[in-house]
Amino acid sequence: MKFRLDVFAWIPQAEVPNPLSSLPGGTSRWGPGACGPHFGGDNFVKPPATHTAWTGTFRAKQSFGFDVAAFGDPPGLSVNTGVLPGLTTVLTAPRASGGTVCHSLRATVKTSTASVNWVAGDDWYEVRMRGAAQDPVPAAVGGLVGGSPGAAAASALTPNLEWDLKIRFQRGSSIGLLARAGYGAHAALNLDVSATRFPTPANYGATGNIVHGTIMVRRFPSYVVYATIDGGGGAPVTIPHYFADASGRNLLEIGVGQTDPLRQLAF
């Protein structure tokens, strides 16, 4: 059996405001990050149906995978990229008005971990993936104004985009009471729209086992988690297992974290 997970975070809007550009002094005072009134977004709402079809830009992404011959065997890692940062850009004007990139800087990775463990008492493999990335412009401005202490202070005040994924690949389809209660506690305000945006396929090619778990994300930007499972027949199935669409939310919501239960799908 082969399991793979791919997490992407992106800004669905074409651009978001850059408050630095309105400060007195311009680039001579605040550096090249103040060269335009907008930060460039990734400019698309709905992600592709598979991670291999991703052609757009992103703010950050992470991939992790493992193989096992049978349930209970030690997992062998097949992929573990760590968090890969995207490129932060500053625009001279809105894209629709012909804005161009006047400055770019690679995002700063703040957290990058991934692991898998067999939990015998629950009969599942539990994967944990944590990632966080930060807009690098505030820290660059802080460093310009106040040196290393200024950069550290600006970084500490800048919220990260972030995910904390805990997903279980369980033998059998009966989820224990404690796990079900934990999922229920977070169900009411779930940001996940994957079931309506990607209604098919509805399972990973079989029905005897089940995938379930939780993810913590910030309410901005958008996030998608792709799960790919090959049950042993050599025909892997990929599903956008979680999709938080931030196209109707704003940049300020990056400061708010939320834990959502994942869809419970068979494999």
C-alpha atoms as a PDB file:
ATOM      1  CA  MET A   1       0.000   0.000   0.000  1.00  0.00           C
ATOM      2  CA  LYS A   2       1.188   3.481  -0.845  1.00  0.00           C
ATOM      3  CA  PHE A   3       0.063   6.718   0.786  1.00  0.00           C
ATOM      4  CA  ARG A   4       0.944  10.291  -0.156  1.00  0.00           C
ATOM      5  CA  LEU A   5      -0.164  13.708   1.096  1.00  0.00           C
ATOM      6  CA  ASP A   6       0.357  17.104  -0.538  1.00  0.00           C
ATOM      7  CA  VAL A   7      -0.573  20.380   1.179  1.00  0.00           C
ATOM      8  CA  PHE A   8      -0.719  23.705  -0.685  1.00  0.00           C
ATOM      9  CA  ALA A   9      -1.467  27.217   0.588  1.00  0.00           C
ATOM     10  CA  TRP A  10      -2.171  30.086  -1.811  1.00  0.00           C
ATOM     11  CA  ILE A  11      -3.747  33.545  -1.999  1.00  0.00           C
ATOM     12  CA  PRO A  12      -6.860  33.263  -4.214  1.00  0.00           C
ATOM     13  CA  GLN A  13      -7.137  37.000  -4.838  1.00  0.00           C
ATOM     14  CA  ALA A  14      -5.226  38.715  -7.648  1.00  0.00           C
ATOM     15  CA  GLU A  15      -3.597  41.031  -5.107  1.00  0.00           C
ATOM     16  CA  VAL A  16      -3.891  42.214  -1.500  1.00  0.00           C
ATOM     17  CA  PRO A  17      -3.067  45.653  -0.044  1.00  0.00           C
ATOM     18  CA  ASN A  18       0.517  46.579   0.830  1.00  0.00           C
ATOM     19  CA  PRO A  19       0.317  49.136   3.657  1.00  0.00           C
ATOM     20  CA  LEU A  20       4.023  49.989   3.355  1.00  0.00           C
ATOM     21  CA  SER A  21       3.475  51.873   0.117  1.00  0.00           C
ATOM     22  CA  SER A  22       1.332  54.525   1.815  1.00  0.00           C
ATOM     23  CA  LEU A  23       3.896  55.359   4.516  1.00  0.00           C
ATOM     24  CA  PRO A  24       5.900  58.583   4.211  1.00  0.00           C
ATOM     25  CA  GLY A  25       9.414  58.059   2.916  1.00  0.00           C
ATOM     26  CA  GLY A  26       8.700  55.418   0.281  1.00  0.00           C
ATOM     27  CA  THR A  27      11.416  52.981  -0.730  1.00  0.00           C
ATOM     28  CA  SER A  28      14.221  55.237   0.503  1.00  0.00           C
ATOM     29  CA  ARG A  29      12.885  54.825   4.042  1.00  0.00           C
ATOM     30  CA  TRP A  30      11.264  51.383   3.990  1.00  0.00           C
ATOM     31  CA  GLY A  31      13.190  49.564   1.300  1.00  0.00           C
ATOM     32  CA  PRO A  32      12.036  47.895  -1.945  1.00  0.00           C
ATOM     33  CA  GLY A  33       9.050  46.258  -0.213  1.00  0.00           C
ATOM     34  CA  ALA A  34       7.332  49.662  -0.392  1.00  0.00           C
ATOM     35  CA  CYS A  35       7.660  49.952  -4.185  1.00  0.00           C
ATOM     36  CA  GLY A  36       3.987  49.244  -4.921  1.00  0.00           C
ATOM     37  CA  PRO A  37       0.519  49.382  -3.343  1.00  0.00           C
ATOM     38  CA  HIS A  38      -0.213  45.664  -3.579  1.00  0.00           C
ATOM     39  CA  PHE A  39       1.258  42.275  -2.780  1.00  0.00           C
ATOM     40  CA  GLY A  40       0.686  39.837  -5.604  1.00  0.00           C
ATOM     41  CA  GLY A  41      -1.797  37.044  -4.978  1.00  0.00           C
ATOM     42  CA  ASP A  42      -1.886  33.723  -6.811  1.00  0.00           C
ATOM     43  CA  ASN A  43      -5.057  34.743  -8.654  1.00  0.00           C
ATOM     44  CA  PHE A  44      -7.135  31.546  -8.749  1.00  0.00           C
ATOM     45  CA  VAL A  45      -9.888  30.180  -6.498  1.00  0.00           C
ATOM     46  CA  LYS A  46     -10.364  26.483  -7.231  1.00  0.00           C
ATOM     47  CA  PRO A  47      -7.281  24.249  -7.211  1.00  0.00           C
ATOM     48  CA  PRO A  48      -6.828  21.388  -9.687  1.00  0.00           C
ATOM     49  CA  ALA A  49      -8.205  17.947  -8.876  1.00  0.00           C
ATOM     50  CA  THR A  50      -4.745  16.421  -8.316  1.00  0.00           C
ATOM     51  CA  HIS A  51      -1.412  17.635  -7.000  1.00  0.00           C
ATOM     52  CA  THR A  52       0.304  16.588 -10.231  1.00  0.00           C
ATOM     53  CA  ALA A  53      -1.907  19.004 -12.194  1.00  0.00           C
ATOM     54  CA  TRP A  54      -0.839  22.035 -10.124  1.00  0.00           C
ATOM     55  CA  THR A  55       0.607  24.671 -12.450  1.00  0.00           C
ATOM     56  CA  GLY A  56      -0.111  27.868 -10.522  1.00  0.00           C
ATOM     57  CA  THR A  57       1.999  29.653  -7.962  1.00  0.00           C
ATOM     58  CA  PHE A  58       1.616  29.114  -4.206  1.00  0.00           C
ATOM     59  CA  ARG A  59       2.615  30.631  -0.872  1.00  0.00           C
ATOM     60  CA  ALA A  60       3.934  27.336   0.548  1.00  0.00           C
ATOM     61  CA  LYS A  61       3.581  23.591   0.014  1.00  0.00           C
ATOM     62  CA  GLN A  62       4.615  20.309   1.648  1.00  0.00           C
ATOM     63  CA  SER A  63       4.619  16.681   0.485  1.00  0.00           C
ATOM     64  CA  PHE A  64       4.962  13.470   2.495  1.00  0.00           C
ATOM     65  CA  GLY A  65       4.456   9.810   1.651  1.00  0.00           C
ATOM     66  CA  PHE A  66       5.052   6.284   2.916  1.00  0.00           C
ATOM     67  CA  ASP A  67       4.650   2.668   1.815  1.00  0.00           C
ATOM     68  CA  VAL A  68       3.727  -0.486   3.745  1.00  0.00           C
ATOM     69  CA  ALA A  69       3.284  -4.074   2.658  1.00  0.00           C
ATOM     70  CA  ALA A  70       0.448  -4.664   5.137  1.00  0.00           C
ATOM     71  CA  PHE A  71      -1.219  -2.925   8.066  1.00  0.00           C
ATOM     72  CA  GLY A  72       1.031  -2.960  11.108  1.00  0.00           C
ATOM     73  CA  ASP A  73       4.284  -3.098   9.158  1.00  0.00           C
ATOM     74  CA  PRO A  74       6.861  -0.350   9.767  1.00  0.00           C
ATOM     75  CA  PRO A  75       6.260   2.479   7.275  1.00  0.00           C
ATOM     76  CA  GLY A  76       8.938   3.213   4.688  1.00  0.00           C
ATOM     77  CA  LEU A  77       9.159   6.858   3.667  1.00  0.00           C
ATOM     78  CA  SER A  78       8.767   7.552  -0.052  1.00  0.00           C
ATOM     79  CA  VAL A  79       8.723  11.361  -0.062  1.00  0.00           C
ATOM     80  CA  ASN A  80       9.378  14.086   2.509  1.00  0.00           C
ATOM     81  CA  THR A  81      10.023  17.463   0.924  1.00  0.00           C
ATOM     82  CA  GLY A  82       9.653  19.664   3.982  1.00  0.00           C
ATOM     83  CA  VAL A  83       7.869  22.974   3.528  1.00  0.00           C
ATOM     84  CA  LEU A  84       8.784  24.687   0.259  1.00  0.00           C
ATOM     85  CA  PRO A  85       8.191  28.461   0.256  1.00  0.00           C
ATOM     86  CA  GLY A  86       6.667  30.450  -2.580  1.00  0.00           C
ATOM     87  CA  LEU A  87       7.678  33.876  -3.845  1.00  0.00           C
ATOM     88  CA  THR A  88       6.261  37.056  -2.292  1.00  0.00           C
ATOM     89  CA  THR A  89       5.866  39.813  -4.892  1.00  0.00           C
ATOM     90  CA  VAL A  90       5.038  43.520  -4.747  1.00  0.00           C
ATOM     91  CA  LEU A  91       3.000  45.008  -7.612  1.00  0.00           C
ATOM     92  CA  THR A  92       3.088  48.539  -9.031  1.00  0.00           C
ATOM     93  CA  ALA A  93      -0.709  48.465  -9.542  1.00  0.00           C
ATOM     94  CA  PRO A  94      -3.585  45.958  -9.635  1.00  0.00           C
ATOM     95  CA  ARG A  95      -3.042  43.198 -12.174  1.00  0.00           C
ATOM     96  CA  ALA A  96      -6.167  44.268 -14.095  1.00  0.00           C
ATOM     97  CA  SER A  97      -4.620  47.715 -14.529  1.00  0.00           C
ATOM     98  CA  GLY A  98      -1.368  46.384 -15.874  1.00  0.00           C
ATOM     99  CA  GLY A  99       0.536  46.166 -12.594  1.00  0.00           C
ATOM    100  CA  THR A 100       3.978  44.583 -12.771  1.00  0.00           C
ATOM    101  CA  VAL A 101       6.315  43.085 -10.178  1.00  0.00           C
ATOM    102  CA  CYS A 102       8.659  45.686  -8.701  1.00  0.00           C
ATOM    103  CA  HIS A 103      10.098  43.521  -5.906  1.00  0.00           C
ATOM    104  CA  SER A 104      10.137  39.845  -4.965  1.00  0.00           C
ATOM    105  CA  LEU A 105      11.414  37.880  -2.006  1.00  0.00           C
ATOM    106  CA  ARG A 106      11.188  34.207  -1.043  1.00  0.00           C
ATOM    107  CA  ALA A 107       8.797  33.509   1.858  1.00  0.00           C
ATOM    108  CA  THR A 108      10.353  32.510   5.188  1.00  0.00           C
ATOM    109  CA  VAL A 109       9.680  28.967   6.446  1.00  0.00           C
ATOM    110  CA  LYS A 110       8.985  29.062  10.188  1.00  0.00           C
ATOM    111  CA  THR A 111       7.865  25.448  10.801  1.00  0.00           C
ATOM    112  CA  SER A 112       8.459  22.260   8.800  1.00  0.00           C
ATOM    113  CA  THR A 113       7.911  18.785  10.284  1.00  0.00           C
ATOM    114  CA  ALA A 114       6.362  15.513   9.119  1.00  0.00           C
ATOM    115  CA  SER A 115       6.104  12.024  10.607  1.00  0.00           C
ATOM    116  CA  VAL A 116       4.149   8.774  10.440  1.00  0.00           C
ATOM    117  CA  ASN A 117       3.520   6.235  13.196  1.00  0.00           C
ATOM    118  CA  TRP A 118       1.611   2.974  13.477  1.00  0.00           C
ATOM    119  CA  VAL A 119      -0.814   3.205  16.412  1.00  0.00           C
ATOM    120  CA  ALA A 120      -1.573  -0.425  17.199  1.00  0.00           C
ATOM    121  CA  GLY A 121      -4.304   0.289  19.746  1.00  0.00           C
ATOM    122  CA  ASP A 122      -6.330   2.212  17.159  1.00  0.00           C
ATOM    123  CA  ASP A 123      -5.317   0.139  14.128  1.00  0.00           C
ATOM    124  CA  TRP A 124      -4.198   3.139  12.086  1.00  0.00           C
ATOM    125  CA  TYR A 125      -1.195   4.923  10.631  1.00  0.00           C
ATOM    126  CA  GLU A 126      -1.181   8.496  11.864  1.00  0.00           C
ATOM    127  CA  VAL A 127       0.555  11.128   9.756  1.00  0.00           C
ATOM    128  CA  ARG A 128       1.381  14.510  11.243  1.00  0.00           C
ATOM    129  CA  MET A 129       2.421  17.361   8.944  1.00  0.00           C
ATOM    130  CA  ARG A 130       3.093  20.843  10.271  1.00  0.00           C
ATOM    131  CA  GLY A 131       4.034  23.835   8.188  1.00  0.00           C
ATOM    132  CA  ALA A 132       4.234  27.593   8.639  1.00  0.00           C
ATOM    133  CA  ALA A 133       5.553  30.309   6.345  1.00  0.00           C
ATOM    134  CA  GLN A 134       5.762  34.058   6.719  1.00  0.00           C
ATOM    135  CA  ASP A 135       5.656  37.095   4.473  1.00  0.00           C
ATOM    136  CA  PRO A 136       9.337  38.146   4.462  1.00  0.00           C
ATOM    137  CA  VAL A 137       8.776  41.835   3.730  1.00  0.00           C
ATOM    138  CA  PRO A 138       7.994  43.058   7.296  1.00  0.00           C
ATOM    139  CA  ALA A 139      11.154  41.402   8.675  1.00  0.00           C
ATOM    140  CA  ALA A 140      13.191  42.906   5.826  1.00  0.00           C
ATOM    141  CA  VAL A 141      11.801  46.354   6.658  1.00  0.00           C
ATOM    142  CA  GLY A 142      12.450  45.797  10.358  1.00  0.00           C
ATOM    143  CA  GLY A 143      16.029  44.864   9.579  1.00  0.00           C
ATOM    144  CA  LEU A 144      16.490  47.954   7.448  1.00  0.00           C
ATOM    145  CA  VAL A 145      15.167  50.219  10.191  1.00  0.00           C
ATOM    146  CA  GLY A 146      16.456  48.495  13.311  1.00  0.00           C
ATOM    147  CA  GLY A 147      19.029  45.901  12.314  1.00  0.00           C
ATOM    148  CA  SER A 148      18.776  42.350  13.621  1.00  0.00           C
ATOM    149  CA  PRO A 149      16.625  43.312  16.651  1.00  0.00           C
ATOM    150  CA  GLY A 150      14.242  45.161  14.330  1.00  0.00           C
ATOM    151  CA  ALA A 151      13.983  42.200  11.988  1.00  0.00           C
ATOM    152  CA  ALA A 152      13.303  39.829  14.904  1.00  0.00           C
ATOM    153  CA  ALA A 153      10.632  42.128  16.325  1.00  0.00           C
ATOM    154  CA  ALA A 154       8.900  42.556  12.955  1.00  0.00           C
ATOM    155  CA  SER A 155       8.946  38.802  12.363  1.00  0.00           C
ATOM    156  CA  ALA A 156       7.433  38.156  15.791  1.00  0.00           C
ATOM    157  CA  LEU A 157       4.566  40.533  14.992  1.00  0.00           C
ATOM    158  CA  THR A 158       3.855  39.050  11.552  1.00  0.00           C
ATOM    159  CA  PRO A 159       1.273  36.227  11.512  1.00  0.00           C
ATOM    160  CA  ASN A 160       2.163  33.069   9.606  1.00  0.00           C
ATOM    161  CA  LEU A 161       0.119  31.089   7.164  1.00  0.00           C
ATOM    162  CA  GLU A 162       0.007  27.707   8.890  1.00  0.00           C
ATOM    163  CA  TRP A 163      -1.291  24.153   8.832  1.00  0.00           C
ATOM    164  CA  ASP A 164      -1.185  21.299  11.326  1.00  0.00           C
ATOM    165  CA  LEU A 165      -2.498  18.132   9.696  1.00  0.00           C
ATOM    166  CA  LYS A 166      -3.260  14.965  11.651  1.00  0.00           C
ATOM    167  CA  ILE A 167      -4.635  12.274   9.349  1.00  0.00           C
ATOM    168  CA  ARG A 168      -5.285   8.609  10.124  1.00  0.00           C
ATOM    169  CA  PHE A 169      -5.329   5.724   7.624  1.00  0.00           C
ATOM    170  CA  GLN A 170      -7.306   3.119   9.548  1.00  0.00           C
ATOM    171  CA  ARG A 171      -7.788  -0.593   9.031  1.00  0.00           C
ATOM    172  CA  GLY A 172     -11.526  -1.177   9.255  1.00  0.00           C
ATOM    173  CA  SER A 173     -14.266   1.423   9.070  1.00  0.00           C
ATOM    174  CA  SER A 174     -15.468   1.825  12.667  1.00  0.00           C
ATOM    175  CA  ILE A 175     -14.063   4.995  14.269  1.00  0.00           C
ATOM    176  CA  GLY A 176     -13.674   4.896  18.043  1.00  0.00           C
ATOM    177  CA  LEU A 177     -15.824   6.946  20.387  1.00  0.00           C
ATOM    178  CA  LEU A 178     -13.080   9.322  21.533  1.00  0.00           C
ATOM    179  CA  ALA A 179     -11.986  10.139  17.990  1.00  0.00           C
ATOM    180  CA  ARG A 180     -15.588  10.691  16.874  1.00  0.00           C
ATOM    181  CA  ALA A 181     -16.229  12.981  19.847  1.00  0.00           C
ATOM    182  CA  GLY A 182     -13.117  15.014  19.022  1.00  0.00           C
ATOM    183  CA  TYR A 183     -14.229  15.477  15.440  1.00  0.00           C
ATOM    184  CA  GLY A 184     -17.723  16.457  16.511  1.00  0.00           C
ATOM    185  CA  ALA A 185     -16.391  19.214  18.745  1.00  0.00           C
ATOM    186  CA  HIS A 186     -14.963  21.027  15.701  1.00  0.00           C
ATOM    187  CA  ALA A 187     -17.623  20.239  13.090  1.00  0.00           C
ATOM    188  CA  ALA A 188     -19.951  23.243  13.369  1.00  0.00           C
ATOM    189  CA  LEU A 189     -17.750  25.922  11.772  1.00  0.00           C
ATOM    190  CA  ASN A 190     -15.838  23.703   9.352  1.00  0.00           C
ATOM    191  CA  LEU A 191     -14.167  25.635   6.509  1.00  0.00           C
ATOM    192  CA  ASP A 192     -13.913  22.525   4.320  1.00  0.00           C
ATOM    193  CA  VAL A 193     -15.776  22.752   0.993  1.00  0.00           C
ATOM    194  CA  SER A 194     -14.032  19.820  -0.704  1.00  0.00           C
ATOM    195  CA  ALA A 195     -17.155  17.627  -0.782  1.00  0.00           C
ATOM    196  CA  THR A 196     -19.120  20.180  -2.818  1.00  0.00           C
ATOM    197  CA  ARG A 197     -16.271  21.415  -5.034  1.00  0.00           C
ATOM    198  CA  PHE A 198     -14.900  17.897  -5.669  1.00  0.00           C
ATOM    199  CA  PRO A 199     -17.809  15.447  -5.207  1.00  0.00           C
ATOM    200  CA  THR A 200     -16.106  12.659  -7.164  1.00  0.00           C
ATOM    201  CA  PRO A 201     -14.375  10.358  -6.621  1.00  0.00           C
ATOM    202  CA  ALA A 202     -16.114   9.639  -3.319  1.00  0.00           C
ATOM    203  CA  ASN A 203     -13.641   6.982  -2.141  1.00  0.00           C
ATOM    204  CA  TYR A 204     -10.121   5.734  -2.859  1.00  0.00           C
ATOM    205  CA  GLY A 205     -11.157   2.665  -4.802  1.00  0.00           C
ATOM    206  CA  ALA A 206     -12.323   0.354  -2.002  1.00  0.00           C
ATOM    207  CA  THR A 207     -14.590   0.523   1.040  1.00  0.00           C
ATOM    208  CA  GLY A 208     -13.136  -1.703   3.771  1.00  0.00           C
ATOM    209  CA  ASN A 209     -10.921   0.900   5.483  1.00  0.00           C
ATOM    210  CA  ILE A 210     -11.285   4.589   6.303  1.00  0.00           C
ATOM    211  CA  VAL A 211      -9.338   7.869   6.288  1.00  0.00           C
ATOM    212  CA  HIS A 212     -10.105  10.497   8.924  1.00  0.00           C
ATOM    213  CA  GLY A 213      -8.439  13.199  11.014  1.00  0.00           C
ATOM    214  CA  THR A 214      -8.205  16.938  11.638  1.00  0.00           C
ATOM    215  CA  ILE A 215      -6.368  19.954  10.313  1.00  0.00           C
ATOM    216  CA  MET A 216      -5.651  23.320  11.883  1.00  0.00           C
ATOM    217  CA  VAL A 217      -5.311  26.177   9.394  1.00  0.00           C
ATOM    218  CA  ARG A 218      -5.412  29.953   9.494  1.00  0.00           C
ATOM    219  CA  ARG A 219      -8.605  31.401   8.014  1.00  0.00           C
ATOM    220  CA  PHE A 220      -6.489  33.051   5.315  1.00  0.00           C
ATOM    221  CA  PRO A 221      -5.182  32.146   2.756  1.00  0.00           C
ATOM    222  CA  SER A 222      -6.694  29.098   0.979  1.00  0.00           C
ATOM    223  CA  TYR A 223      -5.492  25.550   1.693  1.00  0.00           C
ATOM    224  CA  VAL A 224      -5.913  22.178   0.016  1.00  0.00           C
ATOM    225  CA  VAL A 225      -4.820  18.715   1.154  1.00  0.00           C
ATOM    226  CA  TYR A 226      -4.499  16.059  -1.525  1.00  0.00           C
ATOM    227  CA  ALA A 227      -4.439  12.438  -0.404  1.00  0.00           C
ATOM    228  CA  THR A 228      -3.257   9.748  -2.826  1.00  0.00           C
ATOM    229  CA  ILE A 229      -3.762   6.076  -1.968  1.00  0.00           C
ATOM    230  CA  ASP A 230      -2.768   2.934  -3.827  1.00  0.00           C
ATOM    231  CA  GLY A 231      -4.334   0.009  -1.988  1.00  0.00           C
ATOM    232  CA  GLY A 232      -1.964  -2.431  -3.666  1.00  0.00           C
ATOM    233  CA  GLY A 233      -3.423  -2.780  -7.126  1.00  0.00           C
ATOM    234  CA  GLY A 234      -1.117  -0.276  -8.778  1.00  0.00           C
ATOM    235  CA  ALA A 235      -3.896   2.231  -9.514  1.00  0.00           C
ATOM    236  CA  PRO A 236      -3.469   5.193  -7.139  1.00  0.00           C
ATOM    237  CA  VAL A 237      -6.449   7.480  -6.539  1.00  0.00           C
ATOM    238  CA  THR A 238      -6.006  11.155  -5.624  1.00  0.00           C
ATOM    239  CA  ILE A 239      -8.732  13.198  -3.913  1.00  0.00           C
ATOM    240  CA  PRO A 240      -8.681  16.812  -2.681  1.00  0.00           C
ATOM    241  CA  HIS A 241      -9.505  15.596   0.819  1.00  0.00           C
ATOM    242  CA  TYR A 242      -9.728  19.100   2.345  1.00  0.00           C
ATOM    243  CA  PHE A 243     -10.228  22.511   0.722  1.00  0.00           C
ATOM    244  CA  ALA A 244     -10.575  25.773   2.656  1.00  0.00           C
ATOM    245  CA  ASP A 245     -11.560  28.485   0.167  1.00  0.00           C
ATOM    246  CA  ALA A 246     -10.484  31.947   1.373  1.00  0.00           C
ATOM    247  CA  SER A 247     -11.672  33.851  -1.701  1.00  0.00           C
ATOM    248  CA  GLY A 248     -14.442  35.421   0.392  1.00  0.00           C
ATOM    249  CA  ARG A 249     -12.191  36.287   3.346  1.00  0.00           C
ATOM    250  CA  ASN A 250      -9.536  38.954   3.795  1.00  0.00           C
ATOM    251  CA  LEU A 251      -5.877  39.113   4.697  1.00  0.00           C
ATOM    252  CA  LEU A 252      -6.534  40.081   8.318  1.00  0.00           C
ATOM    253  CA  GLU A 253      -8.013  36.632   8.985  1.00  0.00           C
ATOM    254  CA  ILE A 254      -4.543  35.121   8.713  1.00  0.00           C
ATOM    255  CA  GLY A 255      -4.301  35.907  12.429  1.00  0.00           C
ATOM    256  CA  VAL A 256      -7.137  33.487  13.271  1.00  0.00           C
ATOM    257  CA  GLY A 257      -6.505  29.744  13.496  1.00  0.00           C
ATOM    258  CA  GLN A 258      -9.199  27.079  13.261  1.00  0.00           C
ATOM    259  CA  THR A 259      -9.276  23.275  13.625  1.00  0.00           C
ATOM    260  CA  ASP A 260     -11.511  21.348  11.224  1.00  0.00           C
ATOM    261  CA  PRO A 261     -12.369  17.640  10.994  1.00  0.00           C
ATOM    262  CA  LEU A 262     -11.477  16.000   7.695  1.00  0.00           C
ATOM    263  CA  ARG A 263     -13.908  14.138   5.484  1.00  0.00           C
ATOM    264  CA  GLN A 264     -14.197  10.446   6.373  1.00  0.00           C
ATOM    265  CA  LEU A 265     -13.600   8.544   3.154  1.00  0.00           C
ATOM    266  CA  ALA A 266     -13.178   4.849   2.461  1.00  0.00           C
ATOM    267  CA  PHE A 267     -10.157   3.158   0.895  1.00  0.00           C
END
